[in-house]
């Protein structure tokens, strides 16, 4: 079985494990690329010989991991979680763990699961979040510009109305005011159309996001 697992894991940074459901998650079986993924020799982790399996989780992620496992055990389901694990060189690497509890005669005997590298996954997620954030900031800026356009429309509309009033008061002499009023109205209508199109496009992007 070990040869089969080693062959399966030879092309990816991943390993399978079986451990006790105790405070240290004492490892009983460890197969695959733990050396490639975390830098440890499997023998140093089995039975907590050098390192306890539970201690490898990043301090900020331990609570999430513990809650995910406890919830899955209670429901007799699976946990699937991305978190950071301590590498042998002292750095932390992102991994994704998918595991379950094993029961025999209604008694929990051990936990088992698969841990794979999630570095590329988390890098892509961070990149996507940055793009979304940039998009949200751009949308906010566009919405701000739309607000300014809307304010300009109100001013142009008022000026157009005033110009029309002056044109009506001045008779033939007010024809110039009438022309100005008409041009202002066209400009206001054009700005209103632009503002509407921009608002619709931003709304579409937000709905799709």
C-alpha atoms as a PDB file:
ATOM      1  CA  UNK A   1       0.000   0.000   0.000  1.00  0.00           C
ATOM      2  CA  UNK A   2       2.859   2.370   0.797  1.00  0.00           C
ATOM      3  CA  UNK A   3       4.329   1.898  -2.684  1.00  0.00           C
ATOM      4  CA  UNK A   4       0.929   2.593  -4.243  1.00  0.00           C
ATOM      5  CA  UNK A   5       0.467   5.793  -2.237  1.00  0.00           C
ATOM      6  CA  UNK A   6       4.006   6.954  -2.963  1.00  0.00           C
ATOM      7  CA  UNK A   7       3.317   6.422  -6.651  1.00  0.00           C
ATOM      8  CA  UNK A   8       0.028   8.341  -6.475  1.00  0.00           C
ATOM      9  CA  UNK A   9       1.630  11.256  -4.608  1.00  0.00           C
ATOM     10  CA  UNK A  10       4.847  11.333  -6.638  1.00  0.00           C
ATOM     11  CA  UNK A  11       3.633  14.108  -8.922  1.00  0.00           C
ATOM     12  CA  UNK A  12       1.958  16.342  -6.306  1.00  0.00           C
ATOM     13  CA  UNK A  13       2.775  17.825  -2.924  1.00  0.00           C
ATOM     14  CA  UNK A  14       0.353  15.836  -0.802  1.00  0.00           C
ATOM     15  CA  UNK A  15       0.162  13.156   1.862  1.00  0.00           C
ATOM     16  CA  UNK A  16      -2.408  10.975   3.573  1.00  0.00           C
ATOM     17  CA  UNK A  17      -2.565  10.448   7.317  1.00  0.00           C
ATOM     18  CA  UNK A  18      -4.296   8.568  10.083  1.00  0.00           C
ATOM     19  CA  UNK A  19      -4.166   9.913  13.624  1.00  0.00           C
ATOM     20  CA  UNK A  20      -5.774   9.553  17.020  1.00  0.00           C
ATOM     21  CA  UNK A  21      -8.532  11.930  18.082  1.00  0.00           C
ATOM     22  CA  UNK A  22      -6.487  13.336  20.943  1.00  0.00           C
ATOM     23  CA  UNK A  23      -5.108  16.780  21.799  1.00  0.00           C
ATOM     24  CA  UNK A  24      -1.927  16.183  19.782  1.00  0.00           C
ATOM     25  CA  UNK A  25      -3.566  14.308  16.884  1.00  0.00           C
ATOM     26  CA  UNK A  26      -0.950  11.626  17.382  1.00  0.00           C
ATOM     27  CA  UNK A  27      -0.036  10.238  13.972  1.00  0.00           C
ATOM     28  CA  UNK A  28      -0.286   6.513  13.396  1.00  0.00           C
ATOM     29  CA  UNK A  29       0.145   6.410   9.619  1.00  0.00           C
ATOM     30  CA  UNK A  30       1.695   8.951   7.279  1.00  0.00           C
ATOM     31  CA  UNK A  31       2.093   8.216   3.575  1.00  0.00           C
ATOM     32  CA  UNK A  32       3.037  10.380   0.618  1.00  0.00           C
ATOM     33  CA  UNK A  33       4.956  13.593   0.061  1.00  0.00           C
ATOM     34  CA  UNK A  34       5.165  15.032   3.574  1.00  0.00           C
ATOM     35  CA  UNK A  35       8.866  15.683   2.981  1.00  0.00           C
ATOM     36  CA  UNK A  36       8.141  17.527  -0.255  1.00  0.00           C
ATOM     37  CA  UNK A  37       5.308  19.565   1.259  1.00  0.00           C
ATOM     38  CA  UNK A  38       6.507  20.268   4.809  1.00  0.00           C
ATOM     39  CA  UNK A  39      10.165  19.253   4.841  1.00  0.00           C
ATOM     40  CA  UNK A  40       9.813  16.721   7.674  1.00  0.00           C
ATOM     41  CA  UNK A  41      10.750  13.078   7.653  1.00  0.00           C
ATOM     42  CA  UNK A  42       7.616  11.037   8.258  1.00  0.00           C
ATOM     43  CA  UNK A  43       9.364   9.139  11.050  1.00  0.00           C
ATOM     44  CA  UNK A  44       9.792  12.378  13.022  1.00  0.00           C
ATOM     45  CA  UNK A  45       6.040  12.935  13.070  1.00  0.00           C
ATOM     46  CA  UNK A  46       4.753   9.413  13.712  1.00  0.00           C
ATOM     47  CA  UNK A  47       3.847   8.994  17.365  1.00  0.00           C
ATOM     48  CA  UNK A  48       4.964  12.601  18.111  1.00  0.00           C
ATOM     49  CA  UNK A  49       8.585  11.402  18.045  1.00  0.00           C
ATOM     50  CA  UNK A  50       9.945  14.908  17.310  1.00  0.00           C
ATOM     51  CA  UNK A  51       6.918  17.021  16.461  1.00  0.00           C
ATOM     52  CA  UNK A  52       3.244  16.722  17.379  1.00  0.00           C
ATOM     53  CA  UNK A  53       0.997  16.871  14.329  1.00  0.00           C
ATOM     54  CA  UNK A  54      -1.438  19.276  16.008  1.00  0.00           C
ATOM     55  CA  UNK A  55       1.374  21.721  16.779  1.00  0.00           C
ATOM     56  CA  UNK A  56       2.151  22.263  13.099  1.00  0.00           C
ATOM     57  CA  UNK A  57      -0.990  24.313  12.452  1.00  0.00           C
ATOM     58  CA  UNK A  58      -0.475  28.068  12.502  1.00  0.00           C
ATOM     59  CA  UNK A  59      -1.552  29.537  15.890  1.00  0.00           C
ATOM     60  CA  UNK A  60      -4.059  31.816  14.156  1.00  0.00           C
ATOM     61  CA  UNK A  61      -5.615  28.861  12.306  1.00  0.00           C
ATOM     62  CA  UNK A  62      -5.771  26.282  15.106  1.00  0.00           C
ATOM     63  CA  UNK A  63      -9.175  27.372  16.368  1.00  0.00           C
ATOM     64  CA  UNK A  64     -10.740  27.210  12.900  1.00  0.00           C
ATOM     65  CA  UNK A  65      -9.237  23.795  12.286  1.00  0.00           C
ATOM     66  CA  UNK A  66     -10.335  22.472  15.673  1.00  0.00           C
ATOM     67  CA  UNK A  67     -13.899  23.726  15.169  1.00  0.00           C
ATOM     68  CA  UNK A  68     -14.059  22.258  11.664  1.00  0.00           C
ATOM     69  CA  UNK A  69     -12.920  18.829  12.914  1.00  0.00           C
ATOM     70  CA  UNK A  70     -15.193  18.859  15.961  1.00  0.00           C
ATOM     71  CA  UNK A  71     -18.173  19.868  13.842  1.00  0.00           C
ATOM     72  CA  UNK A  72     -17.474  17.129  11.312  1.00  0.00           C
ATOM     73  CA  UNK A  73     -17.019  14.500  14.029  1.00  0.00           C
ATOM     74  CA  UNK A  74     -20.311  15.488  15.629  1.00  0.00           C
ATOM     75  CA  UNK A  75     -22.141  15.256  12.286  1.00  0.00           C
ATOM     76  CA  UNK A  76     -20.071  12.285  11.107  1.00  0.00           C
ATOM     77  CA  UNK A  77     -19.255  14.239   8.002  1.00  0.00           C
ATOM     78  CA  UNK A  78     -16.179  15.665   6.289  1.00  0.00           C
ATOM     79  CA  UNK A  79     -14.120  18.730   7.016  1.00  0.00           C
ATOM     80  CA  UNK A  80     -12.496  20.658   4.185  1.00  0.00           C
ATOM     81  CA  UNK A  81     -10.316  23.570   5.222  1.00  0.00           C
ATOM     82  CA  UNK A  82      -7.400  25.669   3.962  1.00  0.00           C
ATOM     83  CA  UNK A  83      -4.931  26.710   6.646  1.00  0.00           C
ATOM     84  CA  UNK A  84      -1.223  27.225   7.284  1.00  0.00           C
ATOM     85  CA  UNK A  85       1.206  24.576   8.482  1.00  0.00           C
ATOM     86  CA  UNK A  86       4.699  24.980   9.874  1.00  0.00           C
ATOM     87  CA  UNK A  87       7.419  23.945   7.437  1.00  0.00           C
ATOM     88  CA  UNK A  88      10.600  22.366   8.723  1.00  0.00           C
ATOM     89  CA  UNK A  89      12.506  25.523   7.698  1.00  0.00           C
ATOM     90  CA  UNK A  90      10.412  27.673  10.046  1.00  0.00           C
ATOM     91  CA  UNK A  91       8.128  29.248   7.443  1.00  0.00           C
ATOM     92  CA  UNK A  92       4.419  28.547   7.026  1.00  0.00           C
ATOM     93  CA  UNK A  93       2.882  27.045   3.907  1.00  0.00           C
ATOM     94  CA  UNK A  94      -0.753  26.947   2.874  1.00  0.00           C
ATOM     95  CA  UNK A  95      -2.372  23.527   2.735  1.00  0.00           C
ATOM     96  CA  UNK A  96      -5.876  22.195   2.192  1.00  0.00           C
ATOM     97  CA  UNK A  97      -7.018  19.350   4.390  1.00  0.00           C
ATOM     98  CA  UNK A  98      -9.973  17.097   3.720  1.00  0.00           C
ATOM     99  CA  UNK A  99     -10.675  14.491   6.349  1.00  0.00           C
ATOM    100  CA  UNK A 100     -13.185  12.473   8.318  1.00  0.00           C
ATOM    101  CA  UNK A 101     -13.597  10.514  11.522  1.00  0.00           C
ATOM    102  CA  UNK A 102     -13.691   6.727  11.399  1.00  0.00           C
ATOM    103  CA  UNK A 103     -16.123   4.869  13.659  1.00  0.00           C
ATOM    104  CA  UNK A 104     -16.258   1.198  14.578  1.00  0.00           C
ATOM    105  CA  UNK A 105     -19.241  -0.170  16.484  1.00  0.00           C
ATOM    106  CA  UNK A 106     -20.377   3.412  17.035  1.00  0.00           C
ATOM    107  CA  UNK A 107     -17.037   4.272  18.654  1.00  0.00           C
ATOM    108  CA  UNK A 108     -14.622   6.782  17.138  1.00  0.00           C
ATOM    109  CA  UNK A 109     -11.303   5.048  16.515  1.00  0.00           C
ATOM    110  CA  UNK A 110      -9.258   7.600  14.568  1.00  0.00           C
ATOM    111  CA  UNK A 111      -9.192  10.489  12.106  1.00  0.00           C
ATOM    112  CA  UNK A 112      -7.938  10.187   8.589  1.00  0.00           C
ATOM    113  CA  UNK A 113      -7.481  12.602   5.744  1.00  0.00           C
ATOM    114  CA  UNK A 114      -5.563  14.031   2.860  1.00  0.00           C
ATOM    115  CA  UNK A 115      -3.431  17.177   2.973  1.00  0.00           C
ATOM    116  CA  UNK A 116      -2.349  18.886  -0.255  1.00  0.00           C
ATOM    117  CA  UNK A 117      -0.455  22.040  -1.083  1.00  0.00           C
ATOM    118  CA  UNK A 118      -2.720  25.086  -1.347  1.00  0.00           C
ATOM    119  CA  UNK A 119      -0.052  27.716  -2.042  1.00  0.00           C
ATOM    120  CA  UNK A 120      -1.163  28.314  -5.623  1.00  0.00           C
ATOM    121  CA  UNK A 121      -4.826  28.220  -4.610  1.00  0.00           C
ATOM    122  CA  UNK A 122      -4.345  30.896  -1.940  1.00  0.00           C
ATOM    123  CA  UNK A 123      -2.159  32.982  -4.246  1.00  0.00           C
ATOM    124  CA  UNK A 124      -4.890  32.942  -6.888  1.00  0.00           C
ATOM    125  CA  UNK A 125      -7.533  33.754  -4.277  1.00  0.00           C
ATOM    126  CA  UNK A 126      -5.494  36.729  -3.050  1.00  0.00           C
ATOM    127  CA  UNK A 127      -5.053  37.928  -6.631  1.00  0.00           C
ATOM    128  CA  UNK A 128      -8.785  37.622  -7.288  1.00  0.00           C
ATOM    129  CA  UNK A 129      -9.622  39.506  -4.090  1.00  0.00           C
ATOM    130  CA  UNK A 130      -7.202  42.263  -5.093  1.00  0.00           C
ATOM    131  CA  UNK A 131      -8.867  42.507  -8.501  1.00  0.00           C
ATOM    132  CA  UNK A 132     -12.317  42.617  -6.908  1.00  0.00           C
ATOM    133  CA  UNK A 133     -11.173  45.268  -4.440  1.00  0.00           C
ATOM    134  CA  UNK A 134      -9.718  47.325  -7.271  1.00  0.00           C
ATOM    135  CA  UNK A 135     -12.961  46.874  -9.164  1.00  0.00           C
ATOM    136  CA  UNK A 136     -14.988  48.014  -6.147  1.00  0.00           C
ATOM    137  CA  UNK A 137     -12.747  51.062  -5.744  1.00  0.00           C
ATOM    138  CA  UNK A 138     -13.059  51.839  -9.458  1.00  0.00           C
ATOM    139  CA  UNK A 139     -16.827  51.455  -9.242  1.00  0.00           C
ATOM    140  CA  UNK A 140     -16.921  53.821  -6.284  1.00  0.00           C
ATOM    141  CA  UNK A 141     -14.903  56.347  -8.237  1.00  0.00           C
ATOM    142  CA  UNK A 142     -17.213  55.970 -11.231  1.00  0.00           C
ATOM    143  CA  UNK A 143     -20.263  56.368  -9.009  1.00  0.00           C
ATOM    144  CA  UNK A 144     -18.687  59.521  -7.583  1.00  0.00           C
ATOM    145  CA  UNK A 145     -18.157  60.893 -11.079  1.00  0.00           C
ATOM    146  CA  UNK A 146     -21.732  60.001 -11.953  1.00  0.00           C
ATOM    147  CA  UNK A 147     -22.871  62.040  -8.962  1.00  0.00           C
ATOM    148  CA  UNK A 148     -20.900  65.028 -10.215  1.00  0.00           C
ATOM    149  CA  UNK A 149     -22.455  64.633 -13.659  1.00  0.00           C
ATOM    150  CA  UNK A 150     -25.893  64.502 -12.059  1.00  0.00           C
ATOM    151  CA  UNK A 151     -25.127  67.740 -10.185  1.00  0.00           C
ATOM    152  CA  UNK A 152     -23.988  69.337 -13.423  1.00  0.00           C
ATOM    153  CA  UNK A 153     -27.239  68.250 -15.073  1.00  0.00           C
ATOM    154  CA  UNK A 154     -29.271  70.010 -12.401  1.00  0.00           C
ATOM    155  CA  UNK A 155     -27.281  73.222 -12.853  1.00  0.00           C
ATOM    156  CA  UNK A 156     -27.585  73.109 -16.649  1.00  0.00           C
ATOM    157  CA  UNK A 157     -31.316  72.452 -16.383  1.00  0.00           C
ATOM    158  CA  UNK A 158     -31.798  75.450 -14.103  1.00  0.00           C
ATOM    159  CA  UNK A 159     -29.716  77.657 -16.394  1.00  0.00           C
ATOM    160  CA  UNK A 160     -31.744  76.438 -19.358  1.00  0.00           C
ATOM    161  CA  UNK A 161     -35.002  77.295 -17.604  1.00  0.00           C
ATOM    162  CA  UNK A 162     -33.717  80.753 -16.633  1.00  0.00           C
ATOM    163  CA  UNK A 163     -32.506  81.392 -20.185  1.00  0.00           C
ATOM    164  CA  UNK A 164     -35.912  80.451 -21.550  1.00  0.00           C
ATOM    165  CA  UNK A 165     -37.591  82.840 -19.077  1.00  0.00           C
ATOM    166  CA  UNK A 166     -35.278  85.657 -20.124  1.00  0.00           C
ATOM    167  CA  UNK A 167     -35.912  84.860 -23.791  1.00  0.00           C
ATOM    168  CA  UNK A 168     -39.668  85.072 -23.246  1.00  0.00           C
ATOM    169  CA  UNK A 169     -39.321  88.397 -21.393  1.00  0.00           C
ATOM    170  CA  UNK A 170     -37.095  89.974 -24.016  1.00  0.00           C
ATOM    171  CA  UNK A 171     -39.174  89.211 -27.116  1.00  0.00           C
ATOM    172  CA  UNK A 172     -37.199  89.460 -30.374  1.00  0.00           C
ATOM    173  CA  UNK A 173     -34.158  90.656 -28.443  1.00  0.00           C
ATOM    174  CA  UNK A 174     -34.200  87.460 -26.460  1.00  0.00           C
ATOM    175  CA  UNK A 175     -33.633  85.094 -29.371  1.00  0.00           C
ATOM    176  CA  UNK A 176     -30.042  84.668 -28.218  1.00  0.00           C
ATOM    177  CA  UNK A 177     -31.265  83.500 -24.845  1.00  0.00           C
ATOM    178  CA  UNK A 178     -33.513  80.968 -26.595  1.00  0.00           C
ATOM    179  CA  UNK A 179     -30.565  79.511 -28.508  1.00  0.00           C
ATOM    180  CA  UNK A 180     -28.497  79.303 -25.333  1.00  0.00           C
ATOM    181  CA  UNK A 181     -31.405  77.676 -23.510  1.00  0.00           C
ATOM    182  CA  UNK A 182     -31.793  75.066 -26.243  1.00  0.00           C
ATOM    183  CA  UNK A 183     -28.071  74.200 -26.265  1.00  0.00           C
ATOM    184  CA  UNK A 184     -28.025  73.938 -22.474  1.00  0.00           C
ATOM    185  CA  UNK A 185     -30.977  71.590 -22.585  1.00  0.00           C
ATOM    186  CA  UNK A 186     -29.234  69.389 -25.171  1.00  0.00           C
ATOM    187  CA  UNK A 187     -26.099  69.285 -23.029  1.00  0.00           C
ATOM    188  CA  UNK A 188     -28.104  68.437 -19.935  1.00  0.00           C
ATOM    189  CA  UNK A 189     -29.939  65.658 -21.783  1.00  0.00           C
ATOM    190  CA  UNK A 190     -26.651  64.276 -23.101  1.00  0.00           C
ATOM    191  CA  UNK A 191     -25.070  64.287 -19.647  1.00  0.00           C
ATOM    192  CA  UNK A 192     -28.146  62.612 -18.228  1.00  0.00           C
ATOM    193  CA  UNK A 193     -27.846  59.854 -20.813  1.00  0.00           C
ATOM    194  CA  UNK A 194     -24.164  59.332 -19.995  1.00  0.00           C
ATOM    195  CA  UNK A 195     -24.890  59.187 -16.267  1.00  0.00           C
ATOM    196  CA  UNK A 196     -27.618  56.606 -16.846  1.00  0.00           C
ATOM    197  CA  UNK A 197     -25.378  54.397 -19.000  1.00  0.00           C
ATOM    198  CA  UNK A 198     -22.534  54.567 -16.457  1.00  0.00           C
ATOM    199  CA  UNK A 199     -24.846  53.739 -13.565  1.00  0.00           C
ATOM    200  CA  UNK A 200     -26.302  50.771 -15.432  1.00  0.00           C
ATOM    201  CA  UNK A 201     -22.874  49.392 -16.301  1.00  0.00           C
ATOM    202  CA  UNK A 202     -21.670  49.701 -12.700  1.00  0.00           C
ATOM    203  CA  UNK A 203     -24.851  48.016 -11.461  1.00  0.00           C
ATOM    204  CA  UNK A 204     -24.356  45.154 -13.933  1.00  0.00           C
ATOM    205  CA  UNK A 205     -20.755  44.642 -12.757  1.00  0.00           C
ATOM    206  CA  UNK A 206     -21.843  44.657  -9.104  1.00  0.00           C
ATOM    207  CA  UNK A 207     -24.639  42.163  -9.781  1.00  0.00           C
ATOM    208  CA  UNK A 208     -22.254  39.861 -11.655  1.00  0.00           C
ATOM    209  CA  UNK A 209     -19.670  40.239  -8.830  1.00  0.00           C
END
